[in-house]
């Protein structure tokens, strides 16, 4: 029996359904976490792109030894 015979007899229609279920679970987890967070945490996350230091958000980065 060749590999092509084995593969041709497999029922592969279950894999897209498994992928859809895994995606739905991941999406539900991300949505739950986003809706569970408070307003202050959402505001802190929203200000990350505007902050000089992504870890802090309040204090600017001071570059020592560089002239501006």
PDB file of N, CA and C in Angstrom:
ATOM      1  N   UNK A   1       0.849  -1.178   0.000  1.00  0.00           N
ATOM      2  CA  UNK A   1       0.000   0.000   0.000  1.00  0.00           C
ATOM      3  C   UNK A   1       0.894   1.241   0.000  1.00  0.00           C
ATOM      4  N   UNK A   2       0.631   2.122  -0.916  1.00  0.00           N
ATOM      5  CA  UNK A   2       1.416   3.340  -1.050  1.00  0.00           C
ATOM      6  C   UNK A   2       0.855   4.445  -0.157  1.00  0.00           C
ATOM      7  N   UNK A   3       1.679   5.443   0.074  1.00  0.00           N
ATOM      8  CA  UNK A   3       1.268   6.568   0.908  1.00  0.00           C
ATOM      9  C   UNK A   3       0.100   7.328   0.285  1.00  0.00           C
ATOM     10  N   UNK A   4       0.083   7.440  -1.017  1.00  0.00           N
ATOM     11  CA  UNK A   4      -1.017   8.146  -1.685  1.00  0.00           C
ATOM     12  C   UNK A   4      -2.346   7.410  -1.484  1.00  0.00           C
ATOM     13  N   UNK A   5      -2.320   6.096  -1.381  1.00  0.00           N
ATOM     14  CA  UNK A   5      -3.545   5.338  -1.108  1.00  0.00           C
ATOM     15  C   UNK A   5      -4.044   5.599   0.314  1.00  0.00           C
ATOM     16  N   UNK A   6      -3.108   5.667   1.250  1.00  0.00           N
ATOM     17  CA  UNK A   6      -3.490   5.925   2.642  1.00  0.00           C
ATOM     18  C   UNK A   6      -4.081   7.319   2.780  1.00  0.00           C
ATOM     19  N   UNK A   7      -3.432   8.300   2.182  1.00  0.00           N
ATOM     20  CA  UNK A   7      -3.895   9.683   2.286  1.00  0.00           C
ATOM     21  C   UNK A   7      -5.225   9.873   1.579  1.00  0.00           C
ATOM     22  N   UNK A   8      -5.449   9.183   0.493  1.00  0.00           N
ATOM     23  CA  UNK A   8      -6.707   9.342  -0.233  1.00  0.00           C
ATOM     24  C   UNK A   8      -7.892   8.771   0.528  1.00  0.00           C
ATOM     25  N   UNK A   9      -7.656   7.852   1.447  1.00  0.00           N
ATOM     26  CA  UNK A   9      -8.752   7.259   2.215  1.00  0.00           C
ATOM     27  C   UNK A   9      -8.986   7.959   3.555  1.00  0.00           C
ATOM     28  N   UNK A  10      -8.145   8.922   3.896  1.00  0.00           N
ATOM     29  CA  UNK A  10      -8.328   9.657   5.144  1.00  0.00           C
ATOM     30  C   UNK A  10      -9.465  10.657   5.005  1.00  0.00           C
ATOM     31  N   UNK A  11     -10.185  10.839   6.104  1.00  0.00           N
ATOM     32  CA  UNK A  11     -11.246  11.848   6.133  1.00  0.00           C
ATOM     33  C   UNK A  11     -10.661  13.112   6.759  1.00  0.00           C
ATOM     34  N   UNK A  12     -10.296  14.072   5.942  1.00  0.00           N
ATOM     35  CA  UNK A  12      -9.634  15.287   6.412  1.00  0.00           C
ATOM     36  C   UNK A  12     -10.602  16.437   6.659  1.00  0.00           C
ATOM     37  N   UNK A  13     -11.887  16.178   6.595  1.00  0.00           N
ATOM     38  CA  UNK A  13     -12.854  17.255   6.767  1.00  0.00           C
ATOM     39  C   UNK A  13     -12.974  17.715   8.218  1.00  0.00           C
ATOM     40  N   UNK A  14     -12.428  16.997   9.162  1.00  0.00           N
ATOM     41  CA  UNK A  14     -12.518  17.385  10.563  1.00  0.00           C
ATOM     42  C   UNK A  14     -11.525  18.501  10.909  1.00  0.00           C
ATOM     43  N   UNK A  15     -10.405  18.614  10.176  1.00  0.00           N
ATOM     44  CA  UNK A  15      -9.370  19.596  10.505  1.00  0.00           C
ATOM     45  C   UNK A  15      -9.841  21.050  10.400  1.00  0.00           C
ATOM     46  N   UNK A  16     -10.590  21.441   9.394  1.00  0.00           N
ATOM     47  CA  UNK A  16     -11.092  22.828   9.386  1.00  0.00           C
ATOM     48  C   UNK A  16     -12.032  23.118  10.557  1.00  0.00           C
ATOM     49  N   UNK A  17     -12.782  22.135  10.984  1.00  0.00           N
ATOM     50  CA  UNK A  17     -13.685  22.321  12.122  1.00  0.00           C
ATOM     51  C   UNK A  17     -12.895  22.471  13.418  1.00  0.00           C
ATOM     52  N   UNK A  18     -11.830  21.681  13.562  1.00  0.00           N
ATOM     53  CA  UNK A  18     -10.966  21.813  14.739  1.00  0.00           C
ATOM     54  C   UNK A  18     -10.302  23.189  14.757  1.00  0.00           C
ATOM     55  N   UNK A  19      -9.842  23.647  13.605  1.00  0.00           N
ATOM     56  CA  UNK A  19      -9.210  24.967  13.512  1.00  0.00           C
ATOM     57  C   UNK A  19     -10.200  26.069  13.873  1.00  0.00           C
ATOM     58  N   UNK A  20     -11.438  25.938  13.441  1.00  0.00           N
ATOM     59  CA  UNK A  20     -12.456  26.931  13.756  1.00  0.00           C
ATOM     60  C   UNK A  20     -12.742  26.965  15.256  1.00  0.00           C
ATOM     61  N   UNK A  21     -12.812  25.805  15.879  1.00  0.00           N
ATOM     62  CA  UNK A  21     -13.062  25.744  17.325  1.00  0.00           C
ATOM     63  C   UNK A  21     -11.886  26.359  18.088  1.00  0.00           C
ATOM     64  N   UNK A  22     -10.650  26.053  17.692  1.00  0.00           N
ATOM     65  CA  UNK A  22      -9.487  26.632  18.349  1.00  0.00           C
ATOM     66  C   UNK A  22      -9.446  28.148  18.187  1.00  0.00           C
ATOM     67  N   UNK A  23      -9.789  28.642  16.993  1.00  0.00           N
ATOM     68  CA  UNK A  23      -9.839  30.082  16.772  1.00  0.00           C
ATOM     69  C   UNK A  23     -10.914  30.722  17.637  1.00  0.00           C
ATOM     70  N   UNK A  24     -12.084  30.104  17.725  1.00  0.00           N
ATOM     71  CA  UNK A  24     -13.172  30.659  18.528  1.00  0.00           C
ATOM     72  C   UNK A  24     -12.790  30.716  20.006  1.00  0.00           C
ATOM     73  N   UNK A  25     -12.091  29.694  20.495  1.00  0.00           N
ATOM     74  CA  UNK A  25     -11.649  29.692  21.889  1.00  0.00           C
ATOM     75  C   UNK A  25     -10.633  30.799  22.131  1.00  0.00           C
ATOM     76  N   UNK A  26      -9.663  30.946  21.233  1.00  0.00           N
ATOM     77  CA  UNK A  26      -8.657  32.000  21.377  1.00  0.00           C
ATOM     78  C   UNK A  26      -9.295  33.382  21.304  1.00  0.00           C
ATOM     79  N   UNK A  27     -10.226  33.576  20.374  1.00  0.00           N
ATOM     80  CA  UNK A  27     -10.909  34.861  20.238  1.00  0.00           C
ATOM     81  C   UNK A  27     -11.722  35.172  21.488  1.00  0.00           C
ATOM     82  N   UNK A  28     -12.410  34.174  22.027  1.00  0.00           N
ATOM     83  CA  UNK A  28     -13.206  34.379  23.237  1.00  0.00           C
ATOM     84  C   UNK A  28     -12.322  34.740  24.420  1.00  0.00           C
ATOM     85  N   UNK A  29     -11.144  34.127  24.520  1.00  0.00           N
ATOM     86  CA  UNK A  29     -10.225  34.450  25.616  1.00  0.00           C
ATOM     87  C   UNK A  29      -9.716  35.880  25.513  1.00  0.00           C
ATOM     88  N   UNK A  30      -9.352  36.301  24.318  1.00  0.00           N
ATOM     89  CA  UNK A  30      -8.864  37.669  24.124  1.00  0.00           C
ATOM     90  C   UNK A  30      -9.990  38.674  24.390  1.00  0.00           C
ATOM     91  N   UNK A  31     -11.182  38.382  23.914  1.00  0.00           N
ATOM     92  CA  UNK A  31     -12.321  39.263  24.141  1.00  0.00           C
ATOM     93  C   UNK A  31     -12.660  39.352  25.619  1.00  0.00           C
ATOM     94  N   UNK A  32     -12.651  38.228  26.321  1.00  0.00           N
ATOM     95  CA  UNK A  32     -12.940  38.214  27.753  1.00  0.00           C
ATOM     96  C   UNK A  32     -11.927  39.049  28.515  1.00  0.00           C
ATOM     97  N   UNK A  33     -10.642  38.903  28.157  1.00  0.00           N
ATOM     98  CA  UNK A  33      -9.608  39.670  28.851  1.00  0.00           C
ATOM     99  C   UNK A  33      -9.745  41.161  28.561  1.00  0.00           C
ATOM    100  N   UNK A  34     -10.089  41.503  27.332  1.00  0.00           N
ATOM    101  CA  UNK A  34     -10.239  42.922  26.976  1.00  0.00           C
ATOM    102  C   UNK A  34     -11.429  43.551  27.698  1.00  0.00           C
ATOM    103  N   UNK A  35     -12.513  42.817  27.807  1.00  0.00           N
ATOM    104  CA  UNK A  35     -13.696  43.363  28.467  1.00  0.00           C
ATOM    105  C   UNK A  35     -13.584  43.340  29.984  1.00  0.00           C
ATOM    106  N   UNK A  36     -12.736  42.476  30.516  1.00  0.00           N
ATOM    107  CA  UNK A  36     -12.572  42.352  31.962  1.00  0.00           C
ATOM    108  C   UNK A  36     -11.680  43.451  32.523  1.00  0.00           C
ATOM    109  N   UNK A  37     -10.794  43.996  31.714  1.00  0.00           N
ATOM    110  CA  UNK A  37      -9.872  45.023  32.206  1.00  0.00           C
ATOM    111  C   UNK A  37     -10.630  46.309  32.503  1.00  0.00           C
ATOM    112  N   UNK A  38     -10.108  47.042  33.460  1.00  0.00           N
ATOM    113  CA  UNK A  38     -10.754  48.281  33.872  1.00  0.00           C
ATOM    114  C   UNK A  38     -10.408  49.445  32.972  1.00  0.00           C
ATOM    115  N   UNK A  39     -11.040  50.576  33.258  1.00  0.00           N
ATOM    116  CA  UNK A  39     -10.823  51.777  32.449  1.00  0.00           C
ATOM    117  C   UNK A  39      -9.407  52.321  32.623  1.00  0.00           C
ATOM    118  N   UNK A  40      -8.875  52.220  33.838  1.00  0.00           N
ATOM    119  CA  UNK A  40      -7.521  52.743  34.065  1.00  0.00           C
ATOM    120  C   UNK A  40      -6.479  51.912  33.309  1.00  0.00           C
ATOM    121  N   UNK A  41      -6.665  50.610  33.265  1.00  0.00           N
ATOM    122  CA  UNK A  41      -5.737  49.760  32.526  1.00  0.00           C
ATOM    123  C   UNK A  41      -5.861  50.008  31.023  1.00  0.00           C
ATOM    124  N   UNK A  42      -7.073  50.230  30.555  1.00  0.00           N
ATOM    125  CA  UNK A  42      -7.270  50.538  29.135  1.00  0.00           C
ATOM    126  C   UNK A  42      -6.609  51.865  28.768  1.00  0.00           C
ATOM    127  N   UNK A  43      -6.714  52.844  29.652  1.00  0.00           N
ATOM    128  CA  UNK A  43      -6.082  54.142  29.407  1.00  0.00           C
ATOM    129  C   UNK A  43      -4.560  54.006  29.409  1.00  0.00           C
ATOM    130  N   UNK A  44      -4.029  53.183  30.303  1.00  0.00           N
ATOM    131  CA  UNK A  44      -2.587  52.965  30.352  1.00  0.00           C
ATOM    132  C   UNK A  44      -2.110  52.280  29.068  1.00  0.00           C
ATOM    133  N   UNK A  45      -2.841  51.311  28.584  1.00  0.00           N
ATOM    134  CA  UNK A  45      -2.476  50.629  27.341  1.00  0.00           C
ATOM    135  C   UNK A  45      -2.602  51.565  26.141  1.00  0.00           C
ATOM    136  N   UNK A  46      -3.569  52.447  26.173  1.00  0.00           N
ATOM    137  CA  UNK A  46      -3.764  53.374  25.066  1.00  0.00           C
ATOM    138  C   UNK A  46      -2.636  54.396  24.983  1.00  0.00           C
ATOM    139  N   UNK A  47      -1.983  54.701  26.112  1.00  0.00           N
ATOM    140  CA  UNK A  47      -0.929  55.715  26.105  1.00  0.00           C
ATOM    141  C   UNK A  47       0.445  55.125  25.815  1.00  0.00           C
ATOM    142  N   UNK A  48       0.575  53.839  25.639  1.00  0.00           N
ATOM    143  CA  UNK A  48       1.884  53.220  25.386  1.00  0.00           C
ATOM    144  C   UNK A  48       2.544  53.765  24.112  1.00  0.00           C
ATOM    145  N   UNK A  49       1.841  53.910  22.988  1.00  0.00           N
ATOM    146  CA  UNK A  49       2.516  54.425  21.789  1.00  0.00           C
ATOM    147  C   UNK A  49       3.023  55.863  21.946  1.00  0.00           C
ATOM    148  N   UNK A  50       2.457  56.618  22.853  1.00  0.00           N
ATOM    149  CA  UNK A  50       2.849  58.014  23.030  1.00  0.00           C
ATOM    150  C   UNK A  50       3.956  58.183  24.060  1.00  0.00           C
ATOM    151  N   UNK A  51       4.252  57.153  24.822  1.00  0.00           N
ATOM    152  CA  UNK A  51       5.245  57.251  25.886  1.00  0.00           C
ATOM    153  C   UNK A  51       6.655  57.113  25.323  1.00  0.00           C
ATOM    154  N   UNK A  52       7.603  57.770  25.978  1.00  0.00           N
ATOM    155  CA  UNK A  52       9.005  57.651  25.584  1.00  0.00           C
ATOM    156  C   UNK A  52       9.568  56.298  25.996  1.00  0.00           C
ATOM    157  N   UNK A  53       9.180  55.810  27.159  1.00  0.00           N
ATOM    158  CA  UNK A  53       9.646  54.530  27.685  1.00  0.00           C
ATOM    159  C   UNK A  53       8.449  53.589  27.755  1.00  0.00           C
ATOM    160  N   UNK A  54       8.405  52.540  26.953  1.00  0.00           N
ATOM    161  CA  UNK A  54       7.241  51.663  26.931  1.00  0.00           C
ATOM    162  C   UNK A  54       6.969  50.973  28.272  1.00  0.00           C
ATOM    163  N   UNK A  55       8.002  50.826  29.109  1.00  0.00           N
ATOM    164  CA  UNK A  55       7.800  50.159  30.384  1.00  0.00           C
ATOM    165  C   UNK A  55       7.172  51.054  31.431  1.00  0.00           C
ATOM    166  N   UNK A  56       7.330  52.375  31.312  1.00  0.00           N
ATOM    167  CA  UNK A  56       6.873  53.277  32.360  1.00  0.00           C
ATOM    168  C   UNK A  56       5.707  54.139  31.898  1.00  0.00           C
ATOM    169  N   UNK A  57       5.911  54.904  30.878  1.00  0.00           N
ATOM    170  CA  UNK A  57       4.836  55.721  30.342  1.00  0.00           C
ATOM    171  C   UNK A  57       4.768  57.122  30.899  1.00  0.00           C
ATOM    172  N   UNK A  58       5.344  57.367  32.100  1.00  0.00           N
ATOM    173  CA  UNK A  58       5.234  58.683  32.714  1.00  0.00           C
ATOM    174  C   UNK A  58       6.510  59.508  32.600  1.00  0.00           C
ATOM    175  N   UNK A  59       7.659  58.862  32.709  1.00  0.00           N
ATOM    176  CA  UNK A  59       8.908  59.584  32.721  1.00  0.00           C
ATOM    177  C   UNK A  59       9.603  59.490  31.363  1.00  0.00           C
ATOM    178  N   UNK A  60      10.128  60.609  30.830  1.00  0.00           N
ATOM    179  CA  UNK A  60      10.841  60.554  29.552  1.00  0.00           C
ATOM    180  C   UNK A  60      12.209  59.890  29.709  1.00  0.00           C
ATOM    181  N   UNK A  61      12.719  59.368  28.631  1.00  0.00           N
ATOM    182  CA  UNK A  61      14.037  58.765  28.631  1.00  0.00           C
ATOM    183  C   UNK A  61      15.085  59.867  28.563  1.00  0.00           C
ATOM    184  N   UNK A  62      16.098  59.792  29.439  1.00  0.00           N
ATOM    185  CA  UNK A  62      17.184  60.759  29.427  1.00  0.00           C
ATOM    186  C   UNK A  62      18.381  60.069  28.816  1.00  0.00           C
ATOM    187  N   UNK A  63      18.815  60.558  27.659  1.00  0.00           N
ATOM    188  CA  UNK A  63      19.958  59.990  26.965  1.00  0.00           C
ATOM    189  C   UNK A  63      21.219  60.712  27.427  1.00  0.00           C
ATOM    190  N   UNK A  64      22.036  60.008  28.159  1.00  0.00           N
ATOM    191  CA  UNK A  64      23.261  60.618  28.659  1.00  0.00           C
ATOM    192  C   UNK A  64      24.350  60.544  27.597  1.00  0.00           C
ATOM    193  N   UNK A  65      25.081  61.632  27.434  1.00  0.00           N
ATOM    194  CA  UNK A  65      26.179  61.667  26.503  1.00  0.00           C
ATOM    195  C   UNK A  65      25.780  62.006  25.080  1.00  0.00           C
ATOM    196  N   UNK A  66      24.534  62.299  24.830  1.00  0.00           N
ATOM    197  CA  UNK A  66      24.087  62.659  23.494  1.00  0.00           C
ATOM    198  C   UNK A  66      23.612  64.104  23.514  1.00  0.00           C
ATOM    199  N   UNK A  67      24.141  64.895  22.601  1.00  0.00           N
ATOM    200  CA  UNK A  67      23.692  66.273  22.472  1.00  0.00           C
ATOM    201  C   UNK A  67      22.525  66.338  21.512  1.00  0.00           C
ATOM    202  N   UNK A  68      21.607  67.199  21.838  1.00  0.00           N
ATOM    203  CA  UNK A  68      20.432  67.329  20.972  1.00  0.00           C
ATOM    204  C   UNK A  68      20.476  68.621  20.226  1.00  0.00           C
TER     205      UNK A  68
END
